[in-house]
Amino acid sequence: MRKLTIICAIFAFALASAPTARGAPVHDFNEAVATAYGFYREAVFLLRTGNPQVASLELEELATHWTAIVERFGPTPPDMYSIDPSWEKTLEEIDKKITRGLAASIEGDAKAAMKTLEPIRKMLSDLRRRNGVVVYSDIVDRANAAFRKLYKFRHNPPDFDAVEQVDQLRQMTAITVYWYEQCLVNASKSLAQDPEFKRLMDDSLYSLSRIWVPIANKAEPNLISLLRGLRSSDRLLFLRFG
């Protein structure tokens, strides 16, 4: 846990430093990506629910916005990205994936579209990470990643008499709570006042806090029920606010 504390402290410092380090160009780029990313998240949601034709409408918007990003920022990256040798290649690869994902969606192949589009999330995260840029979407990514590890206990619950397994569950619960709290702490003023966001965070953090009860009581059915309910909230966090 000491290692986790150090990592979290470093991340918090990077996050706090990011706004003062960025100039107008990087702010404009981040804003443009955030706008395009909204269409990406909606398309991914629709593909997961088996609606490729409707997803294609979102992907058309995404393609339009991303083309504008490539044209504007590809040849002249903002200062914070200027030494990245893979800058232009990354933007163009994302553009190609959007084009292929759109084509698959139009053809009604949700599975192929999803497979093509899914890596974009990590590509954008990696692009920012290797250039020392942190945005709110990165915090949501960490919260989602933490919950994915916690959710594994849904199908593989621990042996409550095995100390090591229970400790792993405790650790993953604590890490997930931490990142969900960071989503709350680092939300913009307007987001923090959004009733949907407030309700989602309150409900999620409450449900996460309840996990300690089945751990203490060795109640496997209650643990599974809580994790099952949290999964939809975790997906909604990405869809609406990632």
C-alpha atoms as a PDB file:
ATOM      1  CA  MET A   1       0.000   0.000   0.000  1.00  0.00           C
ATOM      2  CA  ARG A   2       2.999   2.300   0.596  1.00  0.00           C
ATOM      3  CA  LYS A   3       3.927   1.903  -3.068  1.00  0.00           C
ATOM      4  CA  LEU A   4       0.354   2.739  -4.076  1.00  0.00           C
ATOM      5  CA  THR A   5       0.446   5.885  -1.918  1.00  0.00           C
ATOM      6  CA  ILE A   6       3.663   7.062  -3.592  1.00  0.00           C
ATOM      7  CA  ILE A   7       2.263   6.407  -7.081  1.00  0.00           C
ATOM      8  CA  CYS A   8      -0.956   8.257  -6.264  1.00  0.00           C
ATOM      9  CA  ALA A   9       1.002  11.199  -4.854  1.00  0.00           C
ATOM     10  CA  ILE A  10       3.070  11.449  -8.031  1.00  0.00           C
ATOM     11  CA  PHE A  11      -0.073  11.307 -10.174  1.00  0.00           C
ATOM     12  CA  ALA A  12      -1.763  13.980  -8.044  1.00  0.00           C
ATOM     13  CA  PHE A  13       1.283  16.238  -8.449  1.00  0.00           C
ATOM     14  CA  ALA A  14       1.258  15.741 -12.229  1.00  0.00           C
ATOM     15  CA  LEU A  15      -2.431  16.519 -12.368  1.00  0.00           C
ATOM     16  CA  ALA A  16      -2.043  19.652 -10.285  1.00  0.00           C
ATOM     17  CA  SER A  17       0.841  20.826 -12.459  1.00  0.00           C
ATOM     18  CA  ALA A  18      -0.847  20.199 -15.821  1.00  0.00           C
ATOM     19  CA  PRO A  19      -3.058  23.343 -16.035  1.00  0.00           C
ATOM     20  CA  THR A  20      -0.161  25.713 -15.376  1.00  0.00           C
ATOM     21  CA  ALA A  21       2.099  24.018 -17.913  1.00  0.00           C
ATOM     22  CA  ARG A  22      -0.191  24.001 -20.893  1.00  0.00           C
ATOM     23  CA  GLY A  23      -0.617  26.862 -23.297  1.00  0.00           C
ATOM     24  CA  ALA A  24      -3.478  27.727 -25.629  1.00  0.00           C
ATOM     25  CA  PRO A  25      -2.538  25.230 -28.391  1.00  0.00           C
ATOM     26  CA  VAL A  26      -2.515  22.204 -26.090  1.00  0.00           C
ATOM     27  CA  HIS A  27      -5.699  23.429 -24.419  1.00  0.00           C
ATOM     28  CA  ASP A  28      -7.349  23.709 -27.832  1.00  0.00           C
ATOM     29  CA  PHE A  29      -6.145  20.230 -28.770  1.00  0.00           C
ATOM     30  CA  ASN A  30      -7.406  18.687 -25.540  1.00  0.00           C
ATOM     31  CA  GLU A  31     -10.767  20.390 -25.964  1.00  0.00           C
ATOM     32  CA  ALA A  32     -11.058  19.213 -29.571  1.00  0.00           C
ATOM     33  CA  VAL A  33     -10.220  15.638 -28.562  1.00  0.00           C
ATOM     34  CA  ALA A  34     -12.703  15.780 -25.670  1.00  0.00           C
ATOM     35  CA  THR A  35     -15.467  16.836 -28.071  1.00  0.00           C
ATOM     36  CA  ALA A  36     -14.624  14.058 -30.540  1.00  0.00           C
ATOM     37  CA  TYR A  37     -14.294  11.556 -27.710  1.00  0.00           C
ATOM     38  CA  GLY A  38     -17.904  12.118 -26.722  1.00  0.00           C
ATOM     39  CA  PHE A  39     -18.999  10.682 -30.070  1.00  0.00           C
ATOM     40  CA  TYR A  40     -16.540   7.820 -29.606  1.00  0.00           C
ATOM     41  CA  ARG A  41     -17.951   6.869 -26.208  1.00  0.00           C
ATOM     42  CA  GLU A  42     -21.517   6.982 -27.492  1.00  0.00           C
ATOM     43  CA  ALA A  43     -20.613   4.830 -30.505  1.00  0.00           C
ATOM     44  CA  VAL A  44     -18.877   2.260 -28.306  1.00  0.00           C
ATOM     45  CA  PHE A  45     -21.940   2.082 -26.062  1.00  0.00           C
ATOM     46  CA  LEU A  46     -24.250   1.562 -29.033  1.00  0.00           C
ATOM     47  CA  LEU A  47     -22.015  -1.133 -30.493  1.00  0.00           C
ATOM     48  CA  ARG A  48     -21.965  -2.974 -27.168  1.00  0.00           C
ATOM     49  CA  THR A  49     -25.750  -2.932 -27.105  1.00  0.00           C
ATOM     50  CA  GLY A  50     -25.946  -4.283 -30.661  1.00  0.00           C
ATOM     51  CA  ASN A  51     -26.920  -1.123 -32.546  1.00  0.00           C
ATOM     52  CA  PRO A  52     -24.251  -0.719 -35.256  1.00  0.00           C
ATOM     53  CA  GLN A  53     -26.470   1.284 -37.614  1.00  0.00           C
ATOM     54  CA  VAL A  54     -27.210   3.896 -34.959  1.00  0.00           C
ATOM     55  CA  ALA A  55     -23.557   3.814 -33.874  1.00  0.00           C
ATOM     56  CA  SER A  56     -22.572   4.719 -37.437  1.00  0.00           C
ATOM     57  CA  LEU A  57     -24.251   8.109 -37.003  1.00  0.00           C
ATOM     58  CA  GLU A  58     -22.038   8.831 -34.004  1.00  0.00           C
ATOM     59  CA  LEU A  59     -19.009   7.558 -35.887  1.00  0.00           C
ATOM     60  CA  GLU A  60     -19.726   9.878 -38.790  1.00  0.00           C
ATOM     61  CA  GLU A  61     -19.579  12.794 -36.356  1.00  0.00           C
ATOM     62  CA  LEU A  62     -16.415  11.365 -34.823  1.00  0.00           C
ATOM     63  CA  ALA A  63     -14.809  11.038 -38.266  1.00  0.00           C
ATOM     64  CA  THR A  64     -15.615  14.656 -39.110  1.00  0.00           C
ATOM     65  CA  HIS A  65     -14.186  15.965 -35.849  1.00  0.00           C
ATOM     66  CA  TRP A  66     -11.102  13.768 -36.005  1.00  0.00           C
ATOM     67  CA  THR A  67     -10.308  14.776 -39.572  1.00  0.00           C
ATOM     68  CA  ALA A  68     -10.354  18.394 -38.412  1.00  0.00           C
ATOM     69  CA  ILE A  69      -7.983  17.503 -35.556  1.00  0.00           C
ATOM     70  CA  VAL A  70      -5.529  15.786 -37.908  1.00  0.00           C
ATOM     71  CA  GLU A  71      -5.580  18.691 -40.343  1.00  0.00           C
ATOM     72  CA  ARG A  72      -5.147  21.342 -37.667  1.00  0.00           C
ATOM     73  CA  PHE A  73      -2.723  19.724 -35.257  1.00  0.00           C
ATOM     74  CA  GLY A  74      -1.006  16.955 -37.250  1.00  0.00           C
ATOM     75  CA  PRO A  75       1.653  19.114 -38.936  1.00  0.00           C
ATOM     76  CA  THR A  76       2.019  21.499 -35.965  1.00  0.00           C
ATOM     77  CA  PRO A  77       1.635  19.724 -32.620  1.00  0.00           C
ATOM     78  CA  PRO A  78       1.221  21.771 -29.429  1.00  0.00           C
ATOM     79  CA  ASP A  79       4.492  22.352 -27.565  1.00  0.00           C
ATOM     80  CA  MET A  80       3.910  19.594 -25.017  1.00  0.00           C
ATOM     81  CA  TYR A  81       3.597  17.042 -27.832  1.00  0.00           C
ATOM     82  CA  SER A  82       6.244  18.524 -30.139  1.00  0.00           C
ATOM     83  CA  ILE A  83       9.042  16.062 -29.320  1.00  0.00           C
ATOM     84  CA  ASP A  84       6.857  12.974 -29.647  1.00  0.00           C
ATOM     85  CA  PRO A  85       8.201  11.053 -32.673  1.00  0.00           C
ATOM     86  CA  SER A  86       4.903   9.160 -32.989  1.00  0.00           C
ATOM     87  CA  TRP A  87       2.646  12.217 -32.783  1.00  0.00           C
ATOM     88  CA  GLU A  88       1.434  12.441 -36.376  1.00  0.00           C
ATOM     89  CA  LYS A  89       1.481   8.671 -36.840  1.00  0.00           C
ATOM     90  CA  THR A  90      -0.791   8.221 -33.806  1.00  0.00           C
ATOM     91  CA  LEU A  91      -3.320  10.774 -35.052  1.00  0.00           C
ATOM     92  CA  GLU A  92      -3.369   9.154 -38.491  1.00  0.00           C
ATOM     93  CA  GLU A  93      -3.703   5.616 -37.080  1.00  0.00           C
ATOM     94  CA  ILE A  94      -6.684   6.718 -35.023  1.00  0.00           C
ATOM     95  CA  ASP A  95      -8.172   8.271 -38.150  1.00  0.00           C
ATOM     96  CA  LYS A  96      -7.789   4.967 -40.012  1.00  0.00           C
ATOM     97  CA  LYS A  97      -9.425   3.029 -37.196  1.00  0.00           C
ATOM     98  CA  ILE A  98     -12.364   5.419 -37.162  1.00  0.00           C
ATOM     99  CA  THR A  99     -12.788   4.991 -40.934  1.00  0.00           C
ATOM    100  CA  ARG A 100     -12.689   1.185 -40.681  1.00  0.00           C
ATOM    101  CA  GLY A 101     -14.968   1.154 -37.659  1.00  0.00           C
ATOM    102  CA  LEU A 102     -17.487   3.342 -39.472  1.00  0.00           C
ATOM    103  CA  ALA A 103     -17.452   1.058 -42.517  1.00  0.00           C
ATOM    104  CA  ALA A 104     -18.056  -2.002 -40.325  1.00  0.00           C
ATOM    105  CA  SER A 105     -20.899  -0.248 -38.519  1.00  0.00           C
ATOM    106  CA  ILE A 106     -22.592   0.717 -41.765  1.00  0.00           C
ATOM    107  CA  GLU A 107     -22.360  -2.940 -42.806  1.00  0.00           C
ATOM    108  CA  GLY A 108     -24.035  -3.924 -39.547  1.00  0.00           C
ATOM    109  CA  ASP A 109     -20.994  -5.743 -38.131  1.00  0.00           C
ATOM    110  CA  ALA A 110     -20.936  -4.525 -34.523  1.00  0.00           C
ATOM    111  CA  LYS A 111     -18.277  -7.031 -33.460  1.00  0.00           C
ATOM    112  CA  ALA A 112     -15.793  -5.982 -36.163  1.00  0.00           C
ATOM    113  CA  ALA A 113     -16.468  -2.300 -35.521  1.00  0.00           C
ATOM    114  CA  MET A 114     -15.897  -2.748 -31.808  1.00  0.00           C
ATOM    115  CA  LYS A 115     -12.670  -4.661 -32.337  1.00  0.00           C
ATOM    116  CA  THR A 116     -11.366  -1.891 -34.592  1.00  0.00           C
ATOM    117  CA  LEU A 117     -12.396   1.029 -32.417  1.00  0.00           C
ATOM    118  CA  GLU A 118     -11.620  -0.293 -28.942  1.00  0.00           C
ATOM    119  CA  PRO A 119      -7.838   0.396 -29.056  1.00  0.00           C
ATOM    120  CA  ILE A 120      -8.432   4.123 -29.645  1.00  0.00           C
ATOM    121  CA  ARG A 121      -9.076   4.696 -25.952  1.00  0.00           C
ATOM    122  CA  LYS A 122      -5.652   3.334 -24.998  1.00  0.00           C
ATOM    123  CA  MET A 123      -3.935   5.070 -27.911  1.00  0.00           C
ATOM    124  CA  LEU A 124      -5.149   8.446 -26.687  1.00  0.00           C
ATOM    125  CA  SER A 125      -4.251   7.646 -23.103  1.00  0.00           C
ATOM    126  CA  ASP A 126      -0.757   6.513 -24.121  1.00  0.00           C
ATOM    127  CA  LEU A 127      -0.297   9.629 -26.256  1.00  0.00           C
ATOM    128  CA  ARG A 128      -0.964  11.873 -23.264  1.00  0.00           C
ATOM    129  CA  ARG A 129       0.988   9.746 -20.813  1.00  0.00           C
ATOM    130  CA  ARG A 130       4.209   9.698 -22.785  1.00  0.00           C
ATOM    131  CA  ASN A 131       4.027  13.474 -23.186  1.00  0.00           C
ATOM    132  CA  GLY A 132       3.233  14.252 -19.560  1.00  0.00           C
ATOM    133  CA  VAL A 133      -0.328  15.433 -20.193  1.00  0.00           C
ATOM    134  CA  VAL A 134      -3.144  14.521 -17.803  1.00  0.00           C
ATOM    135  CA  VAL A 135      -6.819  15.276 -18.446  1.00  0.00           C
ATOM    136  CA  TYR A 136      -9.991  14.245 -16.652  1.00  0.00           C
ATOM    137  CA  SER A 137     -10.529  11.334 -19.026  1.00  0.00           C
ATOM    138  CA  ASP A 138      -7.315   9.775 -17.700  1.00  0.00           C
ATOM    139  CA  ILE A 139      -8.725   9.730 -14.167  1.00  0.00           C
ATOM    140  CA  VAL A 140     -11.884   8.013 -15.403  1.00  0.00           C
ATOM    141  CA  ASP A 141      -9.683   5.492 -17.247  1.00  0.00           C
ATOM    142  CA  ARG A 142      -7.883   4.676 -14.002  1.00  0.00           C
ATOM    143  CA  ALA A 143     -11.162   4.317 -12.126  1.00  0.00           C
ATOM    144  CA  ASN A 144     -12.503   1.976 -14.822  1.00  0.00           C
ATOM    145  CA  ALA A 145      -9.237  -0.009 -14.867  1.00  0.00           C
ATOM    146  CA  ALA A 146      -9.312  -0.418 -11.087  1.00  0.00           C
ATOM    147  CA  PHE A 147     -12.907  -1.599 -11.157  1.00  0.00           C
ATOM    148  CA  ARG A 148     -12.153  -4.119 -13.937  1.00  0.00           C
ATOM    149  CA  LYS A 149      -9.679  -5.806 -11.583  1.00  0.00           C
ATOM    150  CA  LEU A 150     -12.136  -5.640  -8.703  1.00  0.00           C
ATOM    151  CA  TYR A 151     -14.918  -7.061 -10.881  1.00  0.00           C
ATOM    152  CA  LYS A 152     -12.934 -10.261 -11.414  1.00  0.00           C
ATOM    153  CA  PHE A 153     -14.108 -11.259  -7.956  1.00  0.00           C
ATOM    154  CA  ARG A 154     -17.642 -11.329  -9.382  1.00  0.00           C
ATOM    155  CA  HIS A 155     -16.925 -14.597 -11.185  1.00  0.00           C
ATOM    156  CA  ASN A 156     -14.035 -15.723  -8.983  1.00  0.00           C
ATOM    157  CA  PRO A 157     -14.982 -14.776  -5.423  1.00  0.00           C
ATOM    158  CA  PRO A 158     -12.274 -15.254  -2.818  1.00  0.00           C
ATOM    159  CA  ASP A 159     -12.044 -18.032  -0.316  1.00  0.00           C
ATOM    160  CA  PHE A 160     -12.856 -15.954   2.754  1.00  0.00           C
ATOM    161  CA  ASP A 161     -10.749 -18.286   4.878  1.00  0.00           C
ATOM    162  CA  ALA A 162      -7.683 -17.592   2.721  1.00  0.00           C
ATOM    163  CA  VAL A 163      -5.979 -14.480   4.072  1.00  0.00           C
ATOM    164  CA  GLU A 164      -4.072 -13.729   0.864  1.00  0.00           C
ATOM    165  CA  GLN A 165      -7.197 -13.813  -1.314  1.00  0.00           C
ATOM    166  CA  VAL A 166      -9.166 -11.610   1.062  1.00  0.00           C
ATOM    167  CA  ASP A 167      -6.257  -9.155   1.239  1.00  0.00           C
ATOM    168  CA  GLN A 168      -6.291  -8.933  -2.566  1.00  0.00           C
ATOM    169  CA  LEU A 169      -9.996  -8.125  -2.476  1.00  0.00           C
ATOM    170  CA  ARG A 170      -9.407  -5.478   0.196  1.00  0.00           C
ATOM    171  CA  GLN A 171      -6.582  -3.942  -1.808  1.00  0.00           C
ATOM    172  CA  MET A 172      -8.567  -3.772  -5.049  1.00  0.00           C
ATOM    173  CA  THR A 173     -11.549  -2.304  -3.220  1.00  0.00           C
ATOM    174  CA  ALA A 174      -9.361   0.403  -1.660  1.00  0.00           C
ATOM    175  CA  ILE A 175      -7.716   1.237  -5.003  1.00  0.00           C
ATOM    176  CA  THR A 176     -11.080   1.459  -6.778  1.00  0.00           C
ATOM    177  CA  VAL A 177     -12.479   3.703  -4.037  1.00  0.00           C
ATOM    178  CA  TYR A 178      -9.412   5.934  -4.345  1.00  0.00           C
ATOM    179  CA  TRP A 179      -9.810   6.454  -8.084  1.00  0.00           C
ATOM    180  CA  TYR A 180     -13.545   6.985  -7.843  1.00  0.00           C
ATOM    181  CA  GLU A 181     -12.878   9.629  -5.204  1.00  0.00           C
ATOM    182  CA  GLN A 182     -10.351  11.219  -7.556  1.00  0.00           C
ATOM    183  CA  CYS A 183     -13.070  11.423 -10.225  1.00  0.00           C
ATOM    184  CA  LEU A 184     -15.117  13.387  -7.712  1.00  0.00           C
ATOM    185  CA  VAL A 185     -12.290  15.567  -6.384  1.00  0.00           C
ATOM    186  CA  ASN A 186     -10.951  16.507  -9.829  1.00  0.00           C
ATOM    187  CA  ALA A 187     -14.282  17.159 -11.534  1.00  0.00           C
ATOM    188  CA  SER A 188     -14.699  20.627 -12.984  1.00  0.00           C
ATOM    189  CA  LYS A 189     -17.049  22.976 -11.175  1.00  0.00           C
ATOM    190  CA  SER A 190     -19.784  22.522 -13.778  1.00  0.00           C
ATOM    191  CA  LEU A 191     -19.410  18.735 -13.739  1.00  0.00           C
ATOM    192  CA  ALA A 192     -19.406  18.591  -9.948  1.00  0.00           C
ATOM    193  CA  GLN A 193     -22.747  20.409  -9.976  1.00  0.00           C
ATOM    194  CA  ASP A 194     -24.282  18.109 -12.591  1.00  0.00           C
ATOM    195  CA  PRO A 195     -27.119  16.207 -10.856  1.00  0.00           C
ATOM    196  CA  GLU A 196     -26.514  13.046 -12.898  1.00  0.00           C
ATOM    197  CA  PHE A 197     -22.818  13.060 -12.073  1.00  0.00           C
ATOM    198  CA  LYS A 198     -23.439  13.695  -8.379  1.00  0.00           C
ATOM    199  CA  ARG A 199     -25.995  10.900  -8.213  1.00  0.00           C
ATOM    200  CA  LEU A 200     -23.707   8.470 -10.040  1.00  0.00           C
ATOM    201  CA  MET A 201     -20.730   9.199  -7.808  1.00  0.00           C
ATOM    202  CA  ASP A 202     -22.753   9.106  -4.599  1.00  0.00           C
ATOM    203  CA  ASP A 203     -24.340   5.791  -5.534  1.00  0.00           C
ATOM    204  CA  SER A 204     -21.055   4.271  -6.723  1.00  0.00           C
ATOM    205  CA  LEU A 205     -19.054   5.308  -3.670  1.00  0.00           C
ATOM    206  CA  TYR A 206     -21.806   4.111  -1.365  1.00  0.00           C
ATOM    207  CA  SER A 207     -21.926   0.706  -3.075  1.00  0.00           C
ATOM    208  CA  LEU A 208     -18.134   0.458  -2.953  1.00  0.00           C
ATOM    209  CA  SER A 209     -18.184   1.243   0.758  1.00  0.00           C
ATOM    210  CA  ARG A 210     -20.660  -1.596   1.280  1.00  0.00           C
ATOM    211  CA  ILE A 211     -18.139  -4.152   0.001  1.00  0.00           C
ATOM    212  CA  TRP A 212     -16.430  -4.069   3.380  1.00  0.00           C
ATOM    213  CA  VAL A 213     -19.569  -5.631   4.915  1.00  0.00           C
ATOM    214  CA  PRO A 214     -19.536  -8.939   2.963  1.00  0.00           C
ATOM    215  CA  ILE A 215     -15.778  -9.066   3.487  1.00  0.00           C
ATOM    216  CA  ALA A 216     -16.293  -8.862   7.240  1.00  0.00           C
ATOM    217  CA  ASN A 217     -19.222 -11.280   7.172  1.00  0.00           C
ATOM    218  CA  LYS A 218     -17.718 -13.650   4.596  1.00  0.00           C
ATOM    219  CA  ALA A 219     -20.913 -13.226   2.584  1.00  0.00           C
ATOM    220  CA  GLU A 220     -20.157 -14.239  -1.000  1.00  0.00           C
ATOM    221  CA  PRO A 221     -23.703 -13.656  -2.405  1.00  0.00           C
ATOM    222  CA  ASN A 222     -23.713 -10.068  -1.098  1.00  0.00           C
ATOM    223  CA  LEU A 223     -20.291  -9.386  -2.620  1.00  0.00           C
ATOM    224  CA  ILE A 224     -21.407 -10.712  -6.000  1.00  0.00           C
ATOM    225  CA  SER A 225     -24.605  -8.663  -5.877  1.00  0.00           C
ATOM    226  CA  LEU A 226     -22.709  -5.447  -5.126  1.00  0.00           C
ATOM    227  CA  LEU A 227     -20.189  -6.007  -7.921  1.00  0.00           C
ATOM    228  CA  ARG A 228     -22.943  -6.829 -10.393  1.00  0.00           C
ATOM    229  CA  GLY A 229     -24.722  -3.576  -9.582  1.00  0.00           C
ATOM    230  CA  LEU A 230     -21.514  -1.529  -9.734  1.00  0.00           C
ATOM    231  CA  ARG A 231     -20.700  -2.737 -13.238  1.00  0.00           C
ATOM    232  CA  SER A 232     -23.462  -0.707 -14.869  1.00  0.00           C
ATOM    233  CA  SER A 233     -22.400   2.370 -12.884  1.00  0.00           C
ATOM    234  CA  ASP A 234     -18.800   1.896 -13.989  1.00  0.00           C
ATOM    235  CA  ARG A 235     -19.845   1.710 -17.637  1.00  0.00           C
ATOM    236  CA  LEU A 236     -22.003   4.787 -17.210  1.00  0.00           C
ATOM    237  CA  LEU A 237     -19.074   6.702 -15.756  1.00  0.00           C
ATOM    238  CA  PHE A 238     -17.130   6.128 -18.969  1.00  0.00           C
ATOM    239  CA  LEU A 239     -20.095   6.702 -21.278  1.00  0.00           C
ATOM    240  CA  ARG A 240     -21.245   9.982 -19.778  1.00  0.00           C
ATOM    241  CA  PHE A 241     -18.132  11.521 -18.258  1.00  0.00           C
ATOM    242  CA  GLY A 242     -15.030   9.721 -19.577  1.00  0.00           C
END
